């Protein structure tokens, strides 16, 4: 080979080497850039859902299309080079595109999914209107949808068939809300805000079932139990006071007297305690809930007037027998018991004179 040809070959080899090296460098730069964050500063949180059994190709393309990573192909290469990081978990994620590829994949590898859990608290002594508000506040349902379901007789019948403590009495047309009194107050957790109202009720009723079943042999009439407990819940605070209150209520029933309970009257006219005073006309109106109204001698209200706590239910199951026929609470919630109407009215007068009478 001539000297000239050797020079040409040498130059060609150098050129090829330069091209190869440049290509390698170029690929390296492309790869390193592809691993960098989409946004270096002030990135945004982007929500995605990785479906079950999604492959690496599908996940990579999803992340690129959503603007979470720069390049799907870089991600595929990265996982080929780092197979120990290729176990990516399905679920819903919120990922920040100011994080690099390795960090983003670490979140998915660890399964750091979005916590969409919602907690709904049913407060002791609150009625169904409050429960509807609580459900509407934490889910994608309205209060009206809650009430519509409660009016579905076929649905309520299905619950009566399922739960031993629900009886046909809750289907009485005079009952405002058939599940009133049976939704045991507590804080309940659900997967997300799309949870159905039926699921919410089922979870709560299962909890009620588990609690009441422990005392099944002591319960003779569960509807009467829950009704008395609901009154005791609102009229008293401590377990001892509630036991005494139930004793007075039962004594009055045995004497054929009306219970004369303010909390039942407020419930009858769908006025929350503390909202306003009842009108005299309301108090004197006949209503199956209103134990201060006419024709209620010796009768319980037709159903519970709130959802009682475990404490109130247990107090009712082990109430204190009493000769007292009256009770009243002062503005500090201290409860006083008396045997006669004269003692009762004298006590009320004394509380007013001492500034202990509750006024709205």
Foldseek 3Di string as FASTA:
>chain_A
DDPVVVVVVVVVVVVVVVVVVVVVVVVVVVLVVQQAFLDQPDFFWDKDWFDPPDALLRVLVVCCVRRQTPHSVSLVVVCVVVVVLRQFDTEMATGTSNGGNVVRSVCRSVVVHDQQKWKFFDDALAWLLVSLVSLVVFAVDHSVVLQVCQVPVVNLVVVVVVAVQQDPLLVPPQNRGSCFQQQATDMDMDRHRHDDPVVVVVVRNVVSRVLVVVVVVLDDRNFVLSQLLSLLRVLADALQSSLALLQLQVLQLVVQAQLLRPLLLCLQVVHDPPNADDDPVSLQDDGLSRSSYPPRGSHGRSGHSHHHHPSSSVSNSVHDHDQFNDWHAWQVRDIDTHNDPVVVVVVQVVCVVVVRHDDD
